[in-house]
Amino acid sequence: MVLLKKEDVLYERDETGNLIAKEVELVIDEDDLEQQPYKGSKIFITPIDRIKLKELIDKASSDKGADFDGVVILDHCKNPSFTKDEIVYMKPALVSIIAKTILKESGLPVPK
């Protein structure tokens, strides 16, 4: 039996308590030809913790015109970072890829 360690369970934070951005590879659907050009691409993200997840859901449902994926990207994609207006004009395939990557790296369920 292996004892679970706190560092395996907690997100990494800096000395002020802010989540540390990490580099991750985009999660690509191998069967989707529109996503193939982005295979191997990387972004820097901050993971979504439990409290932030509730805030994101509330924000997406209360802000008319906001979508959950857009809110996730706005708040958690750090490099490249995007403005609210830029997210509106992003290619739909990329919106889906980036949001799914952030959710997966945060340990949250990823919709198909």
Protein backbone atom coordinates (compact mmCIF):
# COMPACT_ATOMS: atom_id res chain seq x y z
CA MET A 1 0.00 0.00 0.00
CA VAL A 2 1.28 3.47 -0.94
CA LEU A 3 0.53 6.43 1.30
CA LEU A 4 -1.02 9.37 -0.53
CA LYS A 5 1.04 12.56 -0.26
CA LYS A 6 -0.34 16.10 -0.04
CA GLU A 7 1.82 17.29 -2.95
CA ASP A 8 0.08 14.70 -5.15
CA VAL A 9 -3.35 16.03 -4.19
CA LEU A 10 -2.92 19.81 -4.03
CA TYR A 11 -2.43 22.21 -6.92
CA GLU A 12 0.94 23.95 -6.89
CA ARG A 13 0.81 27.51 -5.53
CA ASP A 14 3.34 30.31 -5.17
CA GLU A 15 4.32 31.92 -1.86
CA THR A 16 1.33 34.29 -2.03
CA GLY A 17 -1.14 31.43 -2.54
CA ASN A 18 -1.83 31.97 -6.25
CA LEU A 19 -2.02 28.96 -8.54
CA ILE A 20 1.09 28.47 -10.64
CA ALA A 21 0.59 28.29 -14.41
CA LYS A 22 1.87 25.12 -16.04
CA GLU A 23 2.63 24.20 -19.63
CA VAL A 24 0.35 21.51 -21.08
CA GLU A 25 -0.20 19.95 -24.47
CA LEU A 26 -3.58 20.55 -26.08
CA VAL A 27 -6.02 17.64 -25.82
CA ILE A 28 -6.82 16.71 -29.41
CA ASP A 29 -9.59 14.45 -30.73
CA GLU A 30 -7.59 12.20 -33.06
CA ASP A 31 -10.69 11.53 -35.18
CA ASP A 32 -11.49 15.22 -35.78
CA LEU A 33 -9.66 16.48 -38.89
CA GLU A 34 -10.24 20.14 -37.90
CA GLN A 35 -8.22 19.58 -34.73
CA GLN A 36 -5.24 17.84 -36.34
CA PRO A 37 -3.28 21.04 -37.14
CA TYR A 38 -3.11 21.78 -33.38
CA LYS A 39 -1.67 18.41 -32.38
CA GLY A 40 1.47 18.92 -30.29
CA SER A 41 0.66 22.59 -29.56
CA LYS A 42 1.10 23.74 -25.96
CA ILE A 43 -0.41 26.42 -23.75
CA PHE A 44 0.13 27.67 -20.20
CA ILE A 45 -2.87 27.27 -17.90
CA THR A 46 -3.83 27.58 -14.27
CA PRO A 47 -5.95 24.67 -13.07
CA ILE A 48 -9.53 25.12 -11.89
CA ASP A 49 -9.94 24.44 -8.18
CA ARG A 50 -13.27 23.49 -6.58
CA ILE A 51 -14.18 27.01 -5.48
CA LYS A 52 -13.25 28.50 -8.85
CA LEU A 53 -15.36 25.86 -10.63
CA LYS A 54 -18.49 27.08 -8.83
CA GLU A 55 -17.57 30.70 -9.62
CA LEU A 56 -17.09 29.83 -13.31
CA ILE A 57 -20.46 28.07 -13.52
CA ASP A 58 -22.19 31.01 -11.81
CA LYS A 59 -20.39 33.53 -14.06
CA ALA A 60 -21.24 31.64 -17.26
CA SER A 61 -24.90 31.27 -16.29
CA SER A 62 -25.39 34.87 -15.11
CA ASP A 63 -23.56 36.73 -17.90
CA LYS A 64 -25.77 36.93 -20.98
CA GLY A 65 -23.85 35.92 -24.07
CA ALA A 66 -21.12 34.19 -22.05
CA ASP A 67 -20.48 30.54 -22.62
CA PHE A 68 -18.81 28.19 -20.15
CA ASP A 69 -15.88 27.38 -22.48
CA GLY A 70 -15.24 31.08 -23.07
CA VAL A 71 -15.23 31.86 -19.36
CA VAL A 72 -12.84 28.96 -18.69
CA ILE A 73 -10.45 30.21 -21.39
CA LEU A 74 -10.67 33.83 -20.24
CA ASP A 75 -9.83 32.94 -16.63
CA HIS A 76 -7.42 30.01 -17.01
CA CYS A 77 -5.54 30.18 -20.33
CA LYS A 78 -2.49 32.25 -19.38
CA ASN A 79 -0.25 32.03 -22.45
CA PRO A 80 -1.52 32.81 -24.92
CA SER A 81 -4.10 34.85 -23.05
CA PHE A 82 -7.26 36.06 -24.74
CA THR A 83 -9.67 38.93 -24.14
CA LYS A 84 -13.43 38.43 -23.99
CA ASP A 85 -13.76 39.94 -27.48
CA GLU A 86 -11.03 37.70 -28.90
CA ILE A 87 -12.74 34.60 -27.53
CA VAL A 88 -15.95 35.57 -29.33
CA TYR A 89 -14.06 35.47 -32.65
CA MET A 90 -11.97 32.35 -31.96
CA LYS A 91 -12.27 29.34 -34.22
CA PRO A 92 -14.87 27.04 -32.62
CA ALA A 93 -12.59 24.00 -32.80
CA LEU A 94 -9.93 25.85 -30.81
CA VAL A 95 -12.40 27.05 -28.18
CA SER A 96 -13.37 23.44 -27.59
CA ILE A 97 -9.78 22.16 -27.57
CA ILE A 98 -8.49 24.78 -25.12
CA ALA A 99 -11.45 24.46 -22.72
CA LYS A 100 -11.26 20.66 -22.72
CA THR A 101 -7.52 20.80 -22.08
CA ILE A 102 -7.99 23.07 -19.06
CA LEU A 103 -10.78 20.88 -17.67
CA LYS A 104 -8.76 17.68 -18.16
CA GLU A 105 -5.62 19.12 -16.58
CA SER A 106 -7.75 20.29 -13.65
CA GLY A 107 -8.98 16.74 -13.07
CA LEU A 108 -12.55 17.62 -14.06
CA PRO A 109 -14.87 15.62 -16.33
CA VAL A 110 -14.35 16.45 -19.99
CA PRO A 111 -17.43 16.42 -22.23
CA LYS A 112 -17.08 14.46 -25.45
